[in-house]
Amino acid sequence: MPSQVEYKTTRRFMNIWVYLALGSVGMIILAGLSSIFFVKPLASKTLQAQEGKPARLQPIKVKPQAIGAVRVDVTARIPSNRYLAYEVQIRDQQDKVLAAGLKNAWKESGVWREEGQTGTWQEDDLDAGLDISSAKPESLNVVVEVLEYGTSRNQPLTESVSFRIKVNQGIIDTRYLWPGFWGGLLMAGLTCLFSKSAGATLSDKSIGDSDLGDRVNVGGPNKLIKVVVKTVADETSPPSLNCRLMVRDGNGDELFNASEVMPLKFKRDEDGDIDSTHGQATFFLVLEKPSSYGFYVEVTPDAPVDSTRLIIKQGAVTLGAVKVAHIAAA
């Protein structure tokens, strides 16, 4: 009966977990982008140091920040084919070491020859860094000390080494954001896949014809029914077919009758000829009264149809707003 059917476009049955997962990814991206606005440069200078004569920046005044830490980045500058062991220290006003890190740096280069061709190569590892969080306003000293310096042939050197030292406050270590980013995307993807298959399958029938039906016990005001019709047709099929779904109650009275256009996807063989076509139509319904209902499908034109499959699910979820036919209780 047409008066019993009311169509509503609703998000009531939407799976919010997909959007929560995507929201967490968005928050991580926002955190990574906003982190650059918390950075405050405190010092940037190039100093010389050698064994027994460490390089020392002038005291740097830092203040506590709710977000981020003080980061000291040090880059050694040495010629090719040399190695260097140096230590970066952060000291307080009483010259007490608050944090320290040891770095084994090196820089190498050479010439490669292969199949009559030659070229040069260069590799290095010269950077070191320290992070420290300050709980109170204070002055900090950055000290860089050369522990060992020599050539790649183990020849000791006593000459001075140049260090580029940068100090910034409010640094956020974004390396720890990447696991959350990829984990959030993975959860969103898995939730999308779950949403497509969610719900209890009450019927899954196939027939080598265009008409198919089944009767199931289904219904409830808070249960979304998803009816999926899949069709396989031959090469004579038009671009689309018409799929009609009819729902009848236990007495055989028709409660619902609607049609959907079923676009077809054409599968071709190696020669480019049409091998078969596949189409799918989906209906969403809410049957407010739990009972036994008959679901009947007609696909037209029926001449090219090779097979039809009817899937009825209860308790389905959606990824967004969908058009739902609400069939009131008699």
Protein backbone atom coordinates (compact mmCIF):
# COMPACT_ATOMS: atom_id res chain seq x y z
CA MET A 1 0.00 0.00 0.00
CA PRO A 2 1.61 3.27 -1.05
CA SER A 3 0.33 5.11 2.02
CA GLN A 4 2.37 2.82 4.25
CA VAL A 5 5.70 3.71 2.64
CA GLU A 6 7.66 6.85 3.49
CA TYR A 7 11.04 7.62 1.95
CA LYS A 8 13.67 9.36 4.10
CA THR A 9 17.25 10.31 3.38
CA THR A 10 18.96 9.66 6.68
CA ARG A 11 22.32 9.20 8.41
CA ARG A 12 20.67 7.31 11.25
CA PHE A 13 22.36 4.01 10.38
CA MET A 14 25.75 5.51 9.53
CA ASN A 15 28.85 3.81 10.94
CA ILE A 16 30.47 6.65 12.91
CA TRP A 17 33.65 4.66 13.57
CA VAL A 18 34.85 5.35 10.03
CA TYR A 19 34.65 9.09 10.63
CA LEU A 20 36.18 8.82 14.09
CA ALA A 21 39.17 7.03 12.55
CA LEU A 22 39.43 9.64 9.78
CA GLY A 23 39.01 12.38 12.39
CA SER A 24 41.96 11.03 14.35
CA VAL A 25 44.04 11.09 11.17
CA GLY A 26 42.97 14.69 10.59
CA MET A 27 43.95 15.63 14.14
CA ILE A 28 47.38 14.09 13.63
CA ILE A 29 47.87 16.03 10.39
CA LEU A 30 46.73 19.21 12.13
CA ALA A 31 49.14 18.57 15.00
CA GLY A 32 52.01 18.09 12.57
CA LEU A 33 51.18 21.29 10.67
CA SER A 34 50.55 23.40 13.77
CA SER A 35 53.81 22.26 15.39
CA ILE A 36 55.77 24.67 13.19
CA PHE A 37 54.01 27.64 14.78
CA PHE A 38 55.28 26.73 18.26
CA VAL A 39 58.95 26.83 17.25
CA LYS A 40 60.99 29.74 18.60
CA PRO A 41 64.65 30.06 17.43
CA LEU A 42 67.00 30.75 20.34
CA ALA A 43 70.45 30.51 18.75
CA SER A 44 72.19 29.69 15.47
CA LYS A 45 75.97 29.89 15.34
CA THR A 46 79.07 28.22 13.92
CA LEU A 47 81.86 27.47 16.42
CA GLN A 48 85.27 25.83 16.36
CA ALA A 49 86.36 23.03 18.71
CA GLN A 50 89.25 20.60 19.07
CA GLU A 51 90.41 17.98 21.53
CA GLY A 52 90.75 19.61 24.95
CA LYS A 53 89.14 22.86 23.75
CA PRO A 54 85.34 22.42 23.58
CA ALA A 55 83.03 24.86 21.83
CA ARG A 56 80.56 26.64 24.10
CA LEU A 57 77.56 28.76 23.22
CA GLN A 58 76.75 31.74 25.35
CA PRO A 59 74.03 31.02 27.95
CA ILE A 60 70.55 30.68 26.45
CA LYS A 61 67.50 31.72 28.43
CA VAL A 62 64.58 29.33 28.14
CA LYS A 63 61.05 29.40 29.54
CA PRO A 64 58.65 26.52 30.23
CA GLN A 65 56.18 25.76 27.42
CA ALA A 66 53.07 23.62 27.56
CA ILE A 67 53.88 22.15 24.14
CA GLY A 68 57.28 21.22 22.79
CA ALA A 69 60.82 20.99 24.11
CA VAL A 70 64.21 22.66 23.64
CA ARG A 71 66.15 21.02 20.84
CA VAL A 72 69.84 21.36 20.13
CA ASP A 73 70.91 20.38 16.60
CA VAL A 74 74.63 20.08 15.85
CA THR A 75 76.22 19.43 12.46
CA ALA A 76 79.93 18.77 12.13
CA ARG A 77 81.77 20.09 9.09
CA ILE A 78 84.77 17.97 8.14
CA PRO A 79 86.57 17.15 4.88
CA SER A 80 85.99 13.85 3.08
CA ASN A 81 87.50 10.58 4.29
CA ARG A 82 87.60 11.56 7.94
CA TYR A 83 85.90 10.37 11.10
CA LEU A 84 84.99 12.26 14.22
CA ALA A 85 83.70 11.35 17.68
CA TYR A 86 82.14 14.26 19.55
CA GLU A 87 79.82 14.84 22.49
CA VAL A 88 77.00 17.35 22.81
CA GLN A 89 76.19 18.51 26.34
CA ILE A 90 73.49 20.72 27.85
CA ARG A 91 74.53 22.23 31.17
CA ASP A 92 72.76 24.40 33.74
CA GLN A 93 73.99 27.60 35.39
CA GLN A 94 76.10 25.59 37.85
CA ASP A 95 77.78 23.81 34.90
CA LYS A 96 76.03 20.56 35.80
CA VAL A 97 75.36 18.27 32.84
CA LEU A 98 71.60 17.94 32.30
CA ALA A 99 71.78 15.90 29.10
CA ALA A 100 74.53 14.56 26.87
CA GLY A 101 74.86 12.59 23.67
CA LEU A 102 77.78 10.92 21.89
CA LYS A 103 78.08 11.02 18.11
CA ASN A 104 80.36 8.99 15.86
CA ALA A 105 80.44 11.09 12.71
CA TRP A 106 82.09 10.37 9.39
CA LYS A 107 82.35 11.57 5.81
CA GLU A 108 83.63 9.48 2.93
CA SER A 109 83.90 9.84 -0.82
CA GLY A 110 85.50 7.98 -3.68
CA VAL A 111 85.42 6.97 -7.31
CA TRP A 112 83.48 4.03 -8.73
CA ARG A 113 84.22 2.15 -11.95
CA GLU A 114 81.87 -0.27 -13.66
CA GLU A 115 81.75 -1.59 -17.24
CA GLY A 116 83.99 1.16 -18.53
CA GLN A 117 82.13 3.96 -16.75
CA THR A 118 83.35 6.01 -13.81
CA GLY A 119 81.83 8.40 -11.34
CA THR A 120 82.14 9.74 -7.83
CA TRP A 121 80.22 8.95 -4.64
CA GLN A 122 79.95 10.62 -1.25
CA GLU A 123 78.28 9.58 2.01
CA ASP A 124 78.27 11.12 5.47
CA ASP A 125 76.66 11.03 8.89
CA LEU A 126 77.45 14.26 10.70
CA ASP A 127 74.32 15.36 12.60
CA ALA A 128 73.56 15.02 16.30
CA GLY A 129 70.82 16.42 18.50
CA LEU A 130 69.40 16.59 22.00
CA ASP A 131 65.95 17.41 23.37
CA ILE A 132 65.31 18.70 26.86
CA SER A 133 62.21 20.01 28.62
CA SER A 134 62.55 22.86 31.09
CA ALA A 135 60.21 23.04 34.08
CA LYS A 136 61.28 26.56 35.10
CA PRO A 137 62.88 29.64 33.55
CA GLU A 138 66.65 29.13 33.45
CA SER A 139 69.81 29.66 31.46
CA LEU A 140 71.30 26.73 29.62
CA ASN A 141 74.79 26.22 28.17
CA VAL A 142 75.45 24.14 25.07
CA VAL A 143 78.90 22.54 24.92
CA VAL A 144 80.37 20.51 22.04
CA GLU A 145 83.53 18.55 22.82
CA VAL A 146 85.76 16.72 20.33
CA LEU A 147 86.72 13.29 21.68
CA GLU A 148 88.53 11.81 18.68
CA TYR A 149 89.37 13.05 15.21
CA GLY A 150 91.29 11.41 12.39
CA THR A 151 91.42 10.21 8.80
CA SER A 152 89.80 7.08 7.38
CA ARG A 153 93.28 5.48 7.52
CA ASN A 154 93.29 5.90 11.33
CA GLN A 155 95.72 8.82 11.30
CA PRO A 156 94.97 11.08 14.32
CA LEU A 157 94.38 14.78 13.69
CA THR A 158 94.67 17.68 16.12
CA GLU A 159 93.21 20.43 13.98
CA SER A 160 89.98 22.18 14.93
CA VAL A 161 86.55 21.16 13.70
CA SER A 162 83.74 23.48 12.68
CA PHE A 163 80.26 22.87 14.20
CA ARG A 164 76.98 24.45 13.17
CA ILE A 165 74.81 24.72 16.31
CA LYS A 166 71.10 25.56 16.28
CA VAL A 167 68.86 25.83 19.33
CA ASN A 168 65.07 26.01 19.06
CA GLN A 169 62.31 25.98 21.65
CA GLY A 170 58.83 24.50 21.19
CA ILE A 171 59.93 21.57 19.03
CA ILE A 172 57.51 18.65 18.69
CA ASP A 173 58.95 15.28 17.71
CA THR A 174 56.72 14.43 14.76
CA ARG A 175 58.27 10.98 14.33
CA TYR A 176 55.78 9.65 16.85
CA LEU A 177 52.86 11.01 14.81
CA TRP A 178 53.52 8.66 11.89
CA PRO A 179 52.41 5.43 13.65
CA GLY A 180 49.16 7.16 14.61
CA PHE A 181 48.70 8.46 11.06
CA TRP A 182 49.11 5.07 9.37
CA GLY A 183 47.22 3.30 12.15
CA GLY A 184 44.28 5.68 11.74
CA LEU A 185 44.19 5.15 7.98
CA LEU A 186 44.32 1.39 8.48
CA MET A 187 41.44 1.50 10.95
CA ALA A 188 39.39 3.70 8.61
CA GLY A 189 39.98 1.30 5.72
CA LEU A 190 39.10 -1.78 7.75
CA THR A 191 35.97 -0.08 9.09
CA CYS A 192 34.86 0.80 5.54
CA LEU A 193 35.25 -2.85 4.52
CA PHE A 194 33.33 -3.94 7.63
CA SER A 195 30.53 -1.49 6.87
CA LYS A 196 29.95 -3.01 3.44
CA SER A 197 29.58 -6.52 4.86
CA ALA A 198 27.93 -5.64 8.20
CA GLY A 199 24.63 -7.20 9.14
CA ALA A 200 23.17 -10.68 9.45
CA THR A 201 22.61 -12.40 6.11
CA LEU A 202 19.06 -13.78 6.15
CA SER A 203 18.97 -14.91 2.54
CA ASP A 204 21.46 -15.46 -0.27
CA LYS A 205 19.85 -17.14 -3.24
CA SER A 206 20.76 -17.40 -6.92
CA ILE A 207 18.86 -18.52 -9.98
CA GLY A 208 19.66 -18.84 -13.68
CA ASP A 209 16.83 -16.50 -14.58
CA SER A 210 15.70 -12.88 -14.16
CA ASP A 211 13.03 -13.42 -11.46
CA LEU A 212 13.83 -14.49 -7.92
CA GLY A 213 12.17 -14.40 -4.51
CA ASP A 214 12.47 -15.59 -0.93
CA ARG A 215 10.55 -15.27 2.32
CA VAL A 216 12.35 -14.41 5.56
CA ASN A 217 11.56 -13.36 9.12
CA VAL A 218 12.75 -9.80 9.35
CA GLY A 219 11.85 -6.36 10.67
CA GLY A 220 12.06 -3.95 13.57
CA PRO A 221 11.96 -0.13 13.86
CA ASN A 222 15.71 0.13 14.54
CA LYS A 223 17.00 -2.45 12.08
CA LEU A 224 18.12 -1.42 8.60
CA ILE A 225 17.40 -3.99 5.90
CA LYS A 226 19.73 -4.04 2.93
CA VAL A 227 18.60 -5.83 -0.22
CA VAL A 228 21.28 -6.37 -2.85
CA VAL A 229 20.44 -7.69 -6.32
CA LYS A 230 23.32 -8.84 -8.53
CA THR A 231 22.87 -9.81 -12.15
CA VAL A 232 25.06 -11.47 -14.79
CA ALA A 233 23.97 -10.97 -18.40
CA ASP A 234 25.30 -11.71 -21.87
CA GLU A 235 26.84 -9.53 -24.58
CA THR A 236 23.45 -8.46 -25.96
CA SER A 237 22.65 -6.46 -22.83
CA PRO A 238 21.77 -2.75 -23.03
CA PRO A 239 23.87 -0.29 -20.98
CA SER A 240 21.53 -0.76 -18.00
CA LEU A 241 18.73 -2.98 -16.75
CA ASN A 242 15.71 -2.23 -14.60
CA CYS A 243 15.48 -3.95 -11.23
CA ARG A 244 12.10 -4.08 -9.46
CA LEU A 245 11.76 -5.12 -5.81
CA MET A 246 8.42 -6.10 -4.27
CA VAL A 247 7.81 -6.82 -0.59
CA ARG A 248 4.72 -8.74 0.53
CA ASP A 249 3.43 -9.54 3.99
CA GLY A 250 2.36 -12.94 5.34
CA ASN A 251 -1.02 -12.67 3.63
CA GLY A 252 0.53 -11.94 0.24
CA ASP A 253 -0.48 -8.27 0.26
CA GLU A 254 2.01 -5.99 -1.44
CA LEU A 255 3.61 -3.45 0.94
CA PHE A 256 6.41 -2.12 -1.23
CA ASN A 257 7.07 -1.86 -4.95
CA ALA A 258 10.00 0.15 -6.32
CA SER A 259 12.45 0.08 -9.20
CA GLU A 260 16.13 0.96 -9.51
CA VAL A 261 18.20 1.41 -12.63
CA MET A 262 21.01 -1.16 -12.65
CA PRO A 263 24.05 0.13 -14.60
CA LEU A 264 26.08 -2.65 -16.20
CA LYS A 265 29.83 -3.18 -16.27
CA PHE A 266 31.00 -4.95 -19.40
CA LYS A 267 33.77 -7.53 -19.10
CA ARG A 268 35.82 -8.08 -22.26
CA ASP A 269 38.04 -10.95 -23.30
CA GLU A 270 41.59 -10.79 -24.72
CA ASP A 271 40.26 -9.96 -28.20
CA GLY A 272 38.20 -7.04 -26.91
CA ASP A 273 34.86 -8.81 -27.36
CA ILE A 274 32.23 -8.55 -24.64
CA ASP A 275 32.40 -11.69 -22.53
CA SER A 276 29.75 -10.89 -19.90
CA THR A 277 28.16 -8.02 -18.03
CA HIS A 278 27.63 -7.47 -14.32
CA GLY A 279 25.17 -5.19 -12.56
CA GLN A 280 24.06 -4.46 -9.01
CA ALA A 281 21.14 -2.63 -7.41
CA THR A 282 20.75 -1.89 -3.69
CA PHE A 283 17.62 -1.11 -1.69
CA PHE A 284 17.43 0.08 1.94
CA LEU A 285 14.27 -0.53 3.94
CA VAL A 286 12.93 -0.39 7.48
CA LEU A 287 10.03 -2.74 8.20
CA GLU A 288 8.71 -1.47 11.51
CA LYS A 289 6.77 -4.66 12.33
CA PRO A 290 8.85 -7.85 12.75
CA SER A 291 7.18 -10.61 10.76
CA SER A 292 7.54 -12.94 7.79
CA TYR A 293 7.97 -11.03 4.53
CA GLY A 294 8.40 -12.10 0.94
CA PHE A 295 11.02 -10.33 -1.18
CA TYR A 296 10.60 -10.70 -4.94
CA VAL A 297 12.87 -9.37 -7.69
CA GLU A 298 12.25 -8.84 -11.39
CA VAL A 299 15.03 -7.77 -13.76
CA THR A 300 13.99 -6.42 -17.14
CA PRO A 301 14.51 -6.83 -20.01
CA ASP A 302 14.95 -10.47 -19.10
CA ALA A 303 16.26 -11.81 -22.45
CA PRO A 304 19.99 -11.12 -21.83
CA VAL A 305 19.93 -12.08 -18.13
CA ASP A 306 21.93 -15.25 -17.36
CA SER A 307 21.61 -15.28 -13.57
CA THR A 308 20.24 -13.24 -10.67
CA ARG A 309 21.35 -13.24 -7.05
CA LEU A 310 19.29 -11.93 -4.12
CA ILE A 311 20.98 -11.03 -0.81
CA ILE A 312 18.95 -9.86 2.19
CA LYS A 313 20.77 -8.46 5.24
CA GLN A 314 19.37 -7.15 8.51
CA GLY A 315 21.28 -4.79 10.80
CA ALA A 316 23.22 -3.17 7.96
CA VAL A 317 25.18 0.06 8.38
CA THR A 318 26.03 2.80 5.90
CA LEU A 319 28.95 5.14 5.23
CA GLY A 320 26.77 8.21 4.81
CA ALA A 321 23.24 9.39 4.14
CA VAL A 322 21.13 6.93 2.17
CA LYS A 323 17.55 6.85 0.92
CA VAL A 324 15.54 4.50 3.12
CA ALA A 325 11.97 3.28 2.56
CA HIS A 326 10.12 3.17 5.91
CA ILE A 327 7.25 0.70 5.82
CA ALA A 328 4.89 1.31 8.73
CA ALA A 329 3.34 -1.47 10.77
CA ALA A 330 -0.15 -2.38 9.62
